[in-house]
Amino acid sequence: MKIDKCDRCQFYSNSPHLVCAVHPSGVDKDCLDYRLNPTYIFEGQWCPDGYVYYDDELIKLPDKPNKERQLWLLDNHPAFTGVCGNCGYHYPSQSTSWDCPECGTVYE
């Protein structure tokens, strides 16, 4: 017989014919061989809006910038313009760092 937590066990067979590798026909009560599958994804795990679970830890998501901030970033951030907004330094086309070597401006 399959119990509720079988789906989350590392020994679960995912087969309609076998319940698990240790107990092919399942168990009647609590399973002493149960081991949580480390790759199991808790799809139904509830978390408050603006938060996510990462490695079983509740993490607050960063606030989404408002429209005005988004437009400013598009118009001024070197990731989009290729130019430092402070001194006009032109970044190489393959640049992945947006800290300006000329004036020291640090972009997020």
Protein backbone atom coordinates (compact mmCIF):
# COMPACT_ATOMS: atom_id res chain seq x y z
CA MET A 1 0.00 0.00 0.00
CA LYS A 2 1.31 3.44 -0.91
CA ILE A 3 1.29 6.09 1.84
CA ASP A 4 1.12 9.88 1.37
CA LYS A 5 4.81 10.62 1.69
CA CYS A 6 5.94 7.94 -0.81
CA ASP A 7 5.99 10.51 -3.63
CA ARG A 8 8.69 12.49 -1.80
CA CYS A 9 10.91 9.51 -0.92
CA GLN A 10 14.22 8.91 -2.68
CA PHE A 11 13.28 5.22 -3.04
CA TYR A 12 9.97 5.94 -4.80
CA SER A 13 9.81 4.06 -8.10
CA ASN A 14 7.51 6.37 -10.11
CA SER A 15 5.99 3.20 -11.49
CA PRO A 16 2.34 2.11 -11.52
CA HIS A 17 3.45 -1.46 -10.71
CA LEU A 18 5.97 -0.91 -7.87
CA VAL A 19 5.72 1.50 -4.96
CA CYS A 20 9.42 1.70 -4.13
CA ALA A 21 12.75 -0.08 -4.41
CA VAL A 22 12.77 -1.11 -0.74
CA HIS A 23 9.08 -2.06 -0.37
CA PRO A 24 7.78 -3.05 -3.83
CA SER A 25 4.22 -3.55 -2.58
CA GLY A 26 4.32 -0.59 -0.17
CA VAL A 27 3.83 -0.40 3.59
CA ASP A 28 0.75 -0.45 5.84
CA LYS A 29 1.78 2.25 8.31
CA ASP A 30 4.73 4.59 8.80
CA CYS A 31 7.78 3.64 6.73
CA LEU A 32 11.03 3.27 8.64
CA ASP A 33 13.03 3.42 5.39
CA TYR A 34 11.66 6.80 4.28
CA ARG A 35 14.34 9.24 3.08
CA LEU A 36 13.37 12.60 1.61
CA ASN A 37 14.44 12.84 -2.01
CA PRO A 38 16.93 15.73 -2.14
CA THR A 39 15.74 16.69 -5.63
CA TYR A 40 12.04 16.78 -4.71
CA ILE A 41 10.42 20.12 -5.53
CA PHE A 42 7.74 21.29 -3.12
CA GLU A 43 5.35 22.71 -5.72
CA GLY A 44 2.56 23.27 -3.26
CA GLN A 45 4.66 24.89 -0.55
CA TRP A 46 3.01 28.15 0.42
CA CYS A 47 4.98 31.35 0.85
CA PRO A 48 3.87 34.98 1.25
CA ASP A 49 3.78 37.31 -1.75
CA GLY A 50 7.19 38.78 -2.45
CA TYR A 51 9.06 35.82 -0.96
CA VAL A 52 10.44 32.52 -2.30
CA TYR A 53 11.98 29.42 -0.81
CA TYR A 54 15.61 28.80 -1.71
CA ASP A 55 17.32 25.76 -0.14
CA ASP A 56 14.49 25.52 2.42
CA GLU A 57 15.05 29.16 3.47
CA LEU A 58 12.43 31.88 3.02
CA ILE A 59 14.01 34.75 1.03
CA LYS A 60 12.47 38.18 0.37
CA LEU A 61 12.52 39.10 -3.30
CA PRO A 62 13.94 42.52 -4.15
CA ASP A 63 11.34 45.20 -4.75
CA LYS A 64 10.48 45.72 -8.40
CA PRO A 65 11.52 49.19 -9.56
CA ASN A 66 8.67 51.56 -10.38
CA LYS A 67 8.06 52.73 -13.97
CA GLU A 68 10.07 55.93 -13.50
CA ARG A 69 13.09 53.98 -12.22
CA GLN A 70 12.77 51.44 -15.04
CA LEU A 71 12.77 54.21 -17.66
CA TRP A 72 15.75 55.90 -16.01
CA LEU A 73 17.68 52.60 -16.07
CA LEU A 74 16.90 52.07 -19.77
CA ASP A 75 18.03 55.61 -20.61
CA ASN A 76 21.13 55.77 -18.38
CA HIS A 77 22.53 52.38 -17.35
CA PRO A 78 25.61 51.35 -19.37
CA ALA A 79 24.16 47.85 -19.82
CA PHE A 80 21.66 49.48 -22.19
CA THR A 81 23.60 52.54 -23.44
CA GLY A 82 27.20 51.28 -23.43
CA VAL A 83 28.26 54.65 -22.00
CA CYS A 84 29.01 55.82 -18.45
CA GLY A 85 26.34 58.34 -17.49
CA ASN A 86 28.81 60.29 -15.36
CA CYS A 87 31.89 60.79 -17.58
CA GLY A 88 30.90 59.43 -21.01
CA TYR A 89 33.34 56.50 -21.00
CA HIS A 90 32.44 53.99 -23.75
CA TYR A 91 32.41 50.39 -22.50
CA PRO A 92 33.71 47.56 -24.73
CA SER A 93 30.87 45.71 -26.48
CA GLN A 94 31.58 42.47 -24.58
CA SER A 95 31.69 44.14 -21.15
CA THR A 96 30.09 42.35 -18.19
CA SER A 97 31.21 44.76 -15.47
CA TRP A 98 29.60 48.19 -15.30
CA ASP A 99 32.00 49.84 -12.86
CA CYS A 100 33.57 52.77 -14.73
CA PRO A 101 37.39 52.58 -14.88
CA GLU A 102 37.64 56.31 -15.68
CA CYS A 103 35.56 58.01 -12.97
CA GLY A 104 34.89 55.11 -10.56
CA THR A 105 31.09 55.21 -10.88
CA VAL A 106 29.62 51.92 -9.65
CA TYR A 107 26.40 50.74 -11.31
CA GLU A 108 24.10 48.11 -9.80
